[in-house]
Amino acid sequence: LAAKLSGRLRAGARPGIEDLTDREMQVFELIGRGMSRKRIAERLKLDVNTVETYRTRIRERLQLPDAEALREFAVNAKLEGKY
């Protein structure tokens, strides 16, 4: 709602990676590099369940249907130089 009020999102527009929190962005980048949940957890010194929570939040924010769509989106964003 705050993003819409500030004009960051157009009505009906899909949220983008710029809407992720700093930690979500860290997890997203590592997903884009092909890292597993366990490896992401080790790298960021988090519990694997915490990483899964971040993955779920990222999927919800980006309106992606499943983990495979998240992985593909993250890889494509990396290839396109969006992070």
PDB file of N, CA and C in Angstrom:
ATOM      1  N   LEU A   1       0.830  -1.193   0.000  1.00  0.00           N
ATOM      2  CA  LEU A   1       0.000   0.000   0.000  1.00  0.00           C
ATOM      3  C   LEU A   1       0.869   1.249   0.000  1.00  0.00           C
ATOM      4  N   ALA A   2       1.883   1.273   0.855  1.00  0.00           N
ATOM      5  CA  ALA A   2       2.767   2.439   0.903  1.00  0.00           C
ATOM      6  C   ALA A   2       3.469   2.646  -0.434  1.00  0.00           C
ATOM      7  N   ALA A   3       3.872   1.531  -1.074  1.00  0.00           N
ATOM      8  CA  ALA A   3       4.533   1.638  -2.377  1.00  0.00           C
ATOM      9  C   ALA A   3       3.594   2.212  -3.418  1.00  0.00           C
ATOM     10  N   LYS A   4       2.342   1.779  -3.385  1.00  0.00           N
ATOM     11  CA  LYS A   4       1.365   2.315  -4.338  1.00  0.00           C
ATOM     12  C   LYS A   4       1.130   3.794  -4.090  1.00  0.00           C
ATOM     13  N   LEU A   5       1.005   4.178  -2.818  1.00  0.00           N
ATOM     14  CA  LEU A   5       0.775   5.581  -2.494  1.00  0.00           C
ATOM     15  C   LEU A   5       1.953   6.455  -2.896  1.00  0.00           C
ATOM     16  N   SER A   6       3.155   5.925  -2.788  1.00  0.00           N
ATOM     17  CA  SER A   6       4.333   6.708  -3.140  1.00  0.00           C
ATOM     18  C   SER A   6       4.594   6.701  -4.643  1.00  0.00           C
ATOM     19  N   GLY A   7       3.804   5.932  -5.387  1.00  0.00           N
ATOM     20  CA  GLY A   7       3.952   5.898  -6.828  1.00  0.00           C
ATOM     21  C   GLY A   7       4.953   4.873  -7.324  1.00  0.00           C
ATOM     22  N   ARG A   8       5.517   4.072  -6.431  1.00  0.00           N
ATOM     23  CA  ARG A   8       6.507   3.079  -6.843  1.00  0.00           C
ATOM     24  C   ARG A   8       5.885   1.964  -7.671  1.00  0.00           C
ATOM     25  N   LEU A   9       4.631   1.661  -7.424  1.00  0.00           N
ATOM     26  CA  LEU A   9       3.967   0.608  -8.183  1.00  0.00           C
ATOM     27  C   LEU A   9       2.757   1.179  -8.904  1.00  0.00           C
ATOM     28  N   ARG A  10       2.646   0.817 -10.169  1.00  0.00           N
ATOM     29  CA  ARG A  10       1.438   1.194 -10.905  1.00  0.00           C
ATOM     30  C   ARG A  10       0.354   0.195 -10.525  1.00  0.00           C
ATOM     31  N   ALA A  11      -0.881   0.613 -10.599  1.00  0.00           N
ATOM     32  CA  ALA A  11      -1.985  -0.289 -10.300  1.00  0.00           C
ATOM     33  C   ALA A  11      -1.897  -1.503 -11.215  1.00  0.00           C
ATOM     34  N   GLY A  12      -1.921  -2.684 -10.629  1.00  0.00           N
ATOM     35  CA  GLY A  12      -1.869  -3.919 -11.398  1.00  0.00           C
ATOM     36  C   GLY A  12      -0.475  -4.321 -11.846  1.00  0.00           C
ATOM     37  N   ALA A  13       0.529  -3.518 -11.540  1.00  0.00           N
ATOM     38  CA  ALA A  13       1.895  -3.849 -11.956  1.00  0.00           C
ATOM     39  C   ALA A  13       2.474  -4.928 -11.046  1.00  0.00           C
ATOM     40  N   ARG A  14       3.304  -5.757 -11.625  1.00  0.00           N
ATOM     41  CA  ARG A  14       3.960  -6.805 -10.850  1.00  0.00           C
ATOM     42  C   ARG A  14       5.128  -6.181 -10.083  1.00  0.00           C
ATOM     43  N   PRO A  15       5.227  -6.474  -8.792  1.00  0.00           N
ATOM     44  CA  PRO A  15       6.350  -5.951  -8.020  1.00  0.00           C
ATOM     45  C   PRO A  15       7.669  -6.478  -8.585  1.00  0.00           C
ATOM     46  N   GLY A  16       8.716  -5.714  -8.443  1.00  0.00           N
ATOM     47  CA  GLY A  16      10.018  -6.119  -8.954  1.00  0.00           C
ATOM     48  C   GLY A  16      11.006  -6.367  -7.839  1.00  0.00           C
ATOM     49  N   ILE A  17      12.207  -6.743  -8.225  1.00  0.00           N
ATOM     50  CA  ILE A  17      13.210  -7.054  -7.224  1.00  0.00           C
ATOM     51  C   ILE A  17      13.602  -5.833  -6.400  1.00  0.00           C
ATOM     52  N   GLU A  18      13.359  -4.650  -6.924  1.00  0.00           N
ATOM     53  CA  GLU A  18      13.657  -3.443  -6.142  1.00  0.00           C
ATOM     54  C   GLU A  18      12.762  -3.320  -4.908  1.00  0.00           C
ATOM     55  N   ASP A  19      11.722  -4.119  -4.843  1.00  0.00           N
ATOM     56  CA  ASP A  19      10.814  -4.107  -3.698  1.00  0.00           C
ATOM     57  C   ASP A  19      11.245  -5.073  -2.589  1.00  0.00           C
ATOM     58  N   LEU A  20      12.320  -5.827  -2.814  1.00  0.00           N
ATOM     59  CA  LEU A  20      12.801  -6.768  -1.805  1.00  0.00           C
ATOM     60  C   LEU A  20      13.593  -6.040  -0.733  1.00  0.00           C
ATOM     61  N   THR A  21      13.545  -6.592   0.483  1.00  0.00           N
ATOM     62  CA  THR A  21      14.371  -6.051   1.564  1.00  0.00           C
ATOM     63  C   THR A  21      15.831  -6.409   1.275  1.00  0.00           C
ATOM     64  N   ASP A  22      16.746  -5.809   2.021  1.00  0.00           N
ATOM     65  CA  ASP A  22      18.161  -6.099   1.813  1.00  0.00           C
ATOM     66  C   ASP A  22      18.461  -7.589   1.988  1.00  0.00           C
ATOM     67  N   ARG A  23      17.930  -8.193   3.029  1.00  0.00           N
ATOM     68  CA  ARG A  23      18.194  -9.620   3.279  1.00  0.00           C
ATOM     69  C   ARG A  23      17.537 -10.479   2.208  1.00  0.00           C
ATOM     70  N   GLU A  24      16.310 -10.146   1.822  1.00  0.00           N
ATOM     71  CA  GLU A  24      15.654 -10.889   0.749  1.00  0.00           C
ATOM     72  C   GLU A  24      16.479 -10.797  -0.532  1.00  0.00           C
ATOM     73  N   MET A  25      17.054  -9.633  -0.791  1.00  0.00           N
ATOM     74  CA  MET A  25      17.872  -9.453  -1.985  1.00  0.00           C
ATOM     75  C   MET A  25      19.125 -10.319  -1.925  1.00  0.00           C
ATOM     76  N   GLN A  26      19.724 -10.429  -0.745  1.00  0.00           N
ATOM     77  CA  GLN A  26      20.889 -11.306  -0.594  1.00  0.00           C
ATOM     78  C   GLN A  26      20.523 -12.746  -0.942  1.00  0.00           C
ATOM     79  N   VAL A  27      19.408 -13.213  -0.402  1.00  0.00           N
ATOM     80  CA  VAL A  27      18.954 -14.582  -0.669  1.00  0.00           C
ATOM     81  C   VAL A  27      18.627 -14.735  -2.159  1.00  0.00           C
ATOM     82  N   PHE A  28      17.938 -13.748  -2.736  1.00  0.00           N
ATOM     83  CA  PHE A  28      17.566 -13.777  -4.149  1.00  0.00           C
ATOM     84  C   PHE A  28      18.803 -13.891  -5.039  1.00  0.00           C
ATOM     85  N   GLU A  29      19.830 -13.108  -4.740  1.00  0.00           N
ATOM     86  CA  GLU A  29      21.065 -13.144  -5.525  1.00  0.00           C
ATOM     87  C   GLU A  29      21.723 -14.522  -5.463  1.00  0.00           C
ATOM     88  N   LEU A  30      21.725 -15.118  -4.285  1.00  0.00           N
ATOM     89  CA  LEU A  30      22.336 -16.438  -4.139  1.00  0.00           C
ATOM     90  C   LEU A  30      21.514 -17.513  -4.838  1.00  0.00           C
ATOM     91  N   ILE A  31      20.207 -17.357  -4.855  1.00  0.00           N
ATOM     92  CA  ILE A  31      19.349 -18.258  -5.632  1.00  0.00           C
ATOM     93  C   ILE A  31      19.724 -18.143  -7.105  1.00  0.00           C
ATOM     94  N   GLY A  32      19.920 -16.914  -7.566  1.00  0.00           N
ATOM     95  CA  GLY A  32      20.296 -16.670  -8.956  1.00  0.00           C
ATOM     96  C   GLY A  32      21.649 -17.251  -9.330  1.00  0.00           C
ATOM     97  N   ARG A  33      22.489 -17.445  -8.339  1.00  0.00           N
ATOM     98  CA  ARG A  33      23.802 -18.070  -8.572  1.00  0.00           C
ATOM     99  C   ARG A  33      23.721 -19.591  -8.500  1.00  0.00           C
ATOM    100  N   GLY A  34      22.514 -20.103  -8.274  1.00  0.00           N
ATOM    101  CA  GLY A  34      22.309 -21.548  -8.263  1.00  0.00           C
ATOM    102  C   GLY A  34      22.608 -22.227  -6.945  1.00  0.00           C
ATOM    103  N   MET A  35      22.690 -21.459  -5.870  1.00  0.00           N
ATOM    104  CA  MET A  35      23.010 -22.054  -4.566  1.00  0.00           C
ATOM    105  C   MET A  35      21.790 -22.750  -3.961  1.00  0.00           C
ATOM    106  N   SER A  36      22.070 -23.833  -3.265  1.00  0.00           N
ATOM    107  CA  SER A  36      21.022 -24.566  -2.562  1.00  0.00           C
ATOM    108  C   SER A  36      20.638 -23.825  -1.279  1.00  0.00           C
ATOM    109  N   ARG A  37      19.528 -24.219  -0.689  1.00  0.00           N
ATOM    110  CA  ARG A  37      19.096 -23.620   0.586  1.00  0.00           C
ATOM    111  C   ARG A  37      20.172 -23.780   1.650  1.00  0.00           C
ATOM    112  N   LYS A  38      20.743 -24.982   1.695  1.00  0.00           N
ATOM    113  CA  LYS A  38      21.769 -25.259   2.703  1.00  0.00           C
ATOM    114  C   LYS A  38      22.985 -24.362   2.508  1.00  0.00           C
ATOM    115  N   ARG A  39      23.410 -24.222   1.283  1.00  0.00           N
ATOM    116  CA  ARG A  39      24.575 -23.383   1.006  1.00  0.00           C
ATOM    117  C   ARG A  39      24.300 -21.910   1.297  1.00  0.00           C
ATOM    118  N   ILE A  40      23.088 -21.462   0.963  1.00  0.00           N
ATOM    119  CA  ILE A  40      22.699 -20.079   1.277  1.00  0.00           C
ATOM    120  C   ILE A  40      22.730 -19.881   2.785  1.00  0.00           C
ATOM    121  N   ALA A  41      22.187 -20.842   3.522  1.00  0.00           N
ATOM    122  CA  ALA A  41      22.169 -20.761   4.987  1.00  0.00           C
ATOM    123  C   ALA A  41      23.591 -20.670   5.537  1.00  0.00           C
ATOM    124  N   GLU A  42      24.478 -21.494   5.026  1.00  0.00           N
ATOM    125  CA  GLU A  42      25.867 -21.463   5.479  1.00  0.00           C
ATOM    126  C   GLU A  42      26.513 -20.120   5.151  1.00  0.00           C
ATOM    127  N   ARG A  43      26.300 -19.644   3.947  1.00  0.00           N
ATOM    128  CA  ARG A  43      26.915 -18.382   3.489  1.00  0.00           C
ATOM    129  C   ARG A  43      26.459 -17.194   4.313  1.00  0.00           C
ATOM    130  N   LEU A  44      25.145 -17.157   4.630  1.00  0.00           N
ATOM    131  CA  LEU A  44      24.581 -16.017   5.359  1.00  0.00           C
ATOM    132  C   LEU A  44      24.502 -16.261   6.868  1.00  0.00           C
ATOM    133  N   LYS A  45      24.998 -17.430   7.284  1.00  0.00           N
ATOM    134  CA  LYS A  45      24.977 -17.815   8.708  1.00  0.00           C
ATOM    135  C   LYS A  45      23.544 -17.779   9.267  1.00  0.00           C
ATOM    136  N   LEU A  46      22.659 -18.460   8.542  1.00  0.00           N
ATOM    137  CA  LEU A  46      21.250 -18.569   8.917  1.00  0.00           C
ATOM    138  C   LEU A  46      20.871 -20.034   9.010  1.00  0.00           C
ATOM    139  N   ASP A  47      19.764 -20.300   9.668  1.00  0.00           N
ATOM    140  CA  ASP A  47      19.192 -21.636   9.686  1.00  0.00           C
ATOM    141  C   ASP A  47      18.536 -21.905   8.330  1.00  0.00           C
ATOM    142  N   VAL A  48      18.542 -23.154   7.891  1.00  0.00           N
ATOM    143  CA  VAL A  48      17.924 -23.511   6.618  1.00  0.00           C
ATOM    144  C   VAL A  48      16.446 -23.127   6.604  1.00  0.00           C
ATOM    145  N   ASN A  49      15.763 -23.286   7.733  1.00  0.00           N
ATOM    146  CA  ASN A  49      14.347 -22.912   7.799  1.00  0.00           C
ATOM    147  C   ASN A  49      14.159 -21.409   7.612  1.00  0.00           C
ATOM    148  N   THR A  50      15.096 -20.622   8.089  1.00  0.00           N
ATOM    149  CA  THR A  50      15.028 -19.172   7.903  1.00  0.00           C
ATOM    150  C   THR A  50      15.195 -18.835   6.424  1.00  0.00           C
ATOM    151  N   VAL A  51      16.105 -19.516   5.758  1.00  0.00           N
ATOM    152  CA  VAL A  51      16.287 -19.309   4.328  1.00  0.00           C
ATOM    153  C   VAL A  51      15.003 -19.662   3.589  1.00  0.00           C
ATOM    154  N   GLU A  52      14.362 -20.746   3.978  1.00  0.00           N
ATOM    155  CA  GLU A  52      13.100 -21.136   3.336  1.00  0.00           C
ATOM    156  C   GLU A  52      12.031 -20.068   3.551  1.00  0.00           C
ATOM    157  N   THR A  53      12.001 -19.481   4.732  1.00  0.00           N
ATOM    158  CA  THR A  53      11.049 -18.397   4.997  1.00  0.00           C
ATOM    159  C   THR A  53      11.312 -17.223   4.062  1.00  0.00           C
ATOM    160  N   TYR A  54      12.582 -16.864   3.895  1.00  0.00           N
ATOM    161  CA  TYR A  54      12.918 -15.781   2.961  1.00  0.00           C
ATOM    162  C   TYR A  54      12.507 -16.138   1.536  1.00  0.00           C
ATOM    163  N   ARG A  55      12.756 -17.371   1.122  1.00  0.00           N
ATOM    164  CA  ARG A  55      12.366 -17.799  -0.226  1.00  0.00           C
ATOM    165  C   ARG A  55      10.851 -17.654  -0.424  1.00  0.00           C
ATOM    166  N   THR A  56      10.090 -18.039   0.592  1.00  0.00           N
ATOM    167  CA  THR A  56       8.635 -17.929   0.514  1.00  0.00           C
ATOM    168  C   THR A  56       8.219 -16.462   0.412  1.00  0.00           C
ATOM    169  N   ARG A  57       8.808 -15.608   1.236  1.00  0.00           N
ATOM    170  CA  ARG A  57       8.488 -14.177   1.190  1.00  0.00           C
ATOM    171  C   ARG A  57       8.826 -13.572  -0.167  1.00  0.00           C
ATOM    172  N   ILE A  58       9.970 -13.950  -0.711  1.00  0.00           N
ATOM    173  CA  ILE A  58      10.381 -13.434  -2.020  1.00  0.00           C
ATOM    174  C   ILE A  58       9.380 -13.865  -3.085  1.00  0.00           C
ATOM    175  N   ARG A  59       9.001 -15.139  -3.065  1.00  0.00           N
ATOM    176  CA  ARG A  59       8.005 -15.634  -4.035  1.00  0.00           C
ATOM    177  C   ARG A  59       6.710 -14.862  -3.924  1.00  0.00           C
ATOM    178  N   GLU A  60       6.273 -14.613  -2.693  1.00  0.00           N
ATOM    179  CA  GLU A  60       5.031 -13.867  -2.490  1.00  0.00           C
ATOM    180  C   GLU A  60       5.163 -12.435  -2.992  1.00  0.00           C
ATOM    181  N   ARG A  61       6.256 -11.774  -2.662  1.00  0.00           N
ATOM    182  CA  ARG A  61       6.462 -10.389  -3.103  1.00  0.00           C
ATOM    183  C   ARG A  61       6.519 -10.275  -4.624  1.00  0.00           C
ATOM    184  N   LEU A  62       7.159 -11.249  -5.259  1.00  0.00           N
ATOM    185  CA  LEU A  62       7.311 -11.221  -6.710  1.00  0.00           C
ATOM    186  C   LEU A  62       6.158 -11.903  -7.438  1.00  0.00           C
ATOM    187  N   GLN A  63       5.210 -12.400  -6.670  1.00  0.00           N
ATOM    188  CA  GLN A  63       4.019 -13.063  -7.203  1.00  0.00           C
ATOM    189  C   GLN A  63       4.390 -14.220  -8.131  1.00  0.00           C
ATOM    190  N   LEU A  64       5.281 -15.062  -7.638  1.00  0.00           N
ATOM    191  CA  LEU A  64       5.722 -16.231  -8.386  1.00  0.00           C
ATOM    192  C   LEU A  64       5.042 -17.468  -7.816  1.00  0.00           C
ATOM    193  N   PRO A  65       4.615 -18.394  -8.664  1.00  0.00           N
ATOM    194  CA  PRO A  65       3.798 -19.517  -8.202  1.00  0.00           C
ATOM    195  C   PRO A  65       4.532 -20.604  -7.415  1.00  0.00           C
ATOM    196  N   ASP A  66       5.823 -20.794  -7.691  1.00  0.00           N
ATOM    197  CA  ASP A  66       6.518 -21.903  -7.034  1.00  0.00           C
ATOM    198  C   ASP A  66       8.022 -21.671  -7.015  1.00  0.00           C
ATOM    199  N   ALA A  67       8.733 -22.616  -6.401  1.00  0.00           N
ATOM    200  CA  ALA A  67      10.182 -22.490  -6.245  1.00  0.00           C
ATOM    201  C   ALA A  67      10.900 -22.494  -7.593  1.00  0.00           C
ATOM    202  N   GLU A  68      10.428 -23.268  -8.529  1.00  0.00           N
ATOM    203  CA  GLU A  68      11.053 -23.308  -9.854  1.00  0.00           C
ATOM    204  C   GLU A  68      10.932 -21.958 -10.557  1.00  0.00           C
ATOM    205  N   ALA A  69       9.780 -21.329 -10.452  1.00  0.00           N
ATOM    206  CA  ALA A  69       9.594 -20.007 -11.050  1.00  0.00           C
ATOM    207  C   ALA A  69      10.514 -18.981 -10.386  1.00  0.00           C
ATOM    208  N   LEU A  70      10.695 -19.104  -9.082  1.00  0.00           N
ATOM    209  CA  LEU A  70      11.612 -18.214  -8.362  1.00  0.00           C
ATOM    210  C   LEU A  70      13.031 -18.403  -8.866  1.00  0.00           C
ATOM    211  N   ARG A  71      13.472 -19.643  -8.989  1.00  0.00           N
ATOM    212  CA  ARG A  71      14.822 -19.921  -9.467  1.00  0.00           C
ATOM    213  C   ARG A  71      15.039 -19.351 -10.863  1.00  0.00           C
ATOM    214  N   GLU A  72      14.090 -19.590 -11.759  1.00  0.00           N
ATOM    215  CA  GLU A  72      14.199 -19.088 -13.129  1.00  0.00           C
ATOM    216  C   GLU A  72      14.231 -17.564 -13.154  1.00  0.00           C
ATOM    217  N   PHE A  73      13.380 -16.938 -12.363  1.00  0.00           N
ATOM    218  CA  PHE A  73      13.329 -15.476 -12.302  1.00  0.00           C
ATOM    219  C   PHE A  73      14.657 -14.924 -11.798  1.00  0.00           C
ATOM    220  N   ALA A  74      15.216 -15.547 -10.769  1.00  0.00           N
ATOM    221  CA  ALA A  74      16.480 -15.086 -10.188  1.00  0.00           C
ATOM    222  C   ALA A  74      17.627 -15.262 -11.182  1.00  0.00           C
ATOM    223  N   VAL A  75      17.669 -16.393 -11.871  1.00  0.00           N
ATOM    224  CA  VAL A  75      18.729 -16.631 -12.859  1.00  0.00           C
ATOM    225  C   VAL A  75      18.611 -15.626 -14.001  1.00  0.00           C
ATOM    226  N   ASN A  76      17.405 -15.416 -14.492  1.00  0.00           N
ATOM    227  CA  ASN A  76      17.203 -14.455 -15.586  1.00  0.00           C
ATOM    228  C   ASN A  76      17.565 -13.036 -15.162  1.00  0.00           C
ATOM    229  N   ALA A  77      17.212 -12.664 -13.945  1.00  0.00           N
ATOM    230  CA  ALA A  77      17.553 -11.323 -13.449  1.00  0.00           C
ATOM    231  C   ALA A  77      19.062 -11.159 -13.403  1.00  0.00           C
ATOM    232  N   LYS A  78      19.762 -12.201 -12.990  1.00  0.00           N
ATOM    233  CA  LYS A  78      21.237 -12.159 -12.951  1.00  0.00           C
ATOM    234  C   LYS A  78      21.784 -12.006 -14.368  1.00  0.00           C
ATOM    235  N   LEU A  79      21.286 -12.796 -15.297  1.00  0.00           N
ATOM    236  CA  LEU A  79      21.749 -12.742 -16.682  1.00  0.00           C
ATOM    237  C   LEU A  79      21.483 -11.377 -17.323  1.00  0.00           C
ATOM    238  N   GLU A  80      20.387 -10.745 -16.911  1.00  0.00           N
ATOM    239  CA  GLU A  80      20.025  -9.440 -17.459  1.00  0.00           C
ATOM    240  C   GLU A  80      20.747  -8.292 -16.741  1.00  0.00           C
ATOM    241  N   GLY A  81      21.543  -8.645 -15.737  1.00  0.00           N
ATOM    242  CA  GLY A  81      22.304  -7.633 -15.019  1.00  0.00           C
ATOM    243  C   GLY A  81      21.480  -6.761 -14.092  1.00  0.00           C
ATOM    244  N   LYS A  82      20.374  -7.308 -13.596  1.00  0.00           N
ATOM    245  CA  LYS A  82      19.508  -6.526 -12.700  1.00  0.00           C
ATOM    246  C   LYS A  82      20.027  -6.489 -11.275  1.00  0.00           C
ATOM    247  N   TYR A  83      21.053  -7.247 -10.987  1.00  0.00           N
ATOM    248  CA  TYR A  83      21.723  -7.195  -9.685  1.00  0.00           C
ATOM    249  C   TYR A  83      23.132  -7.645  -9.832  1.00  0.00           C
TER     250      TYR A  83
END
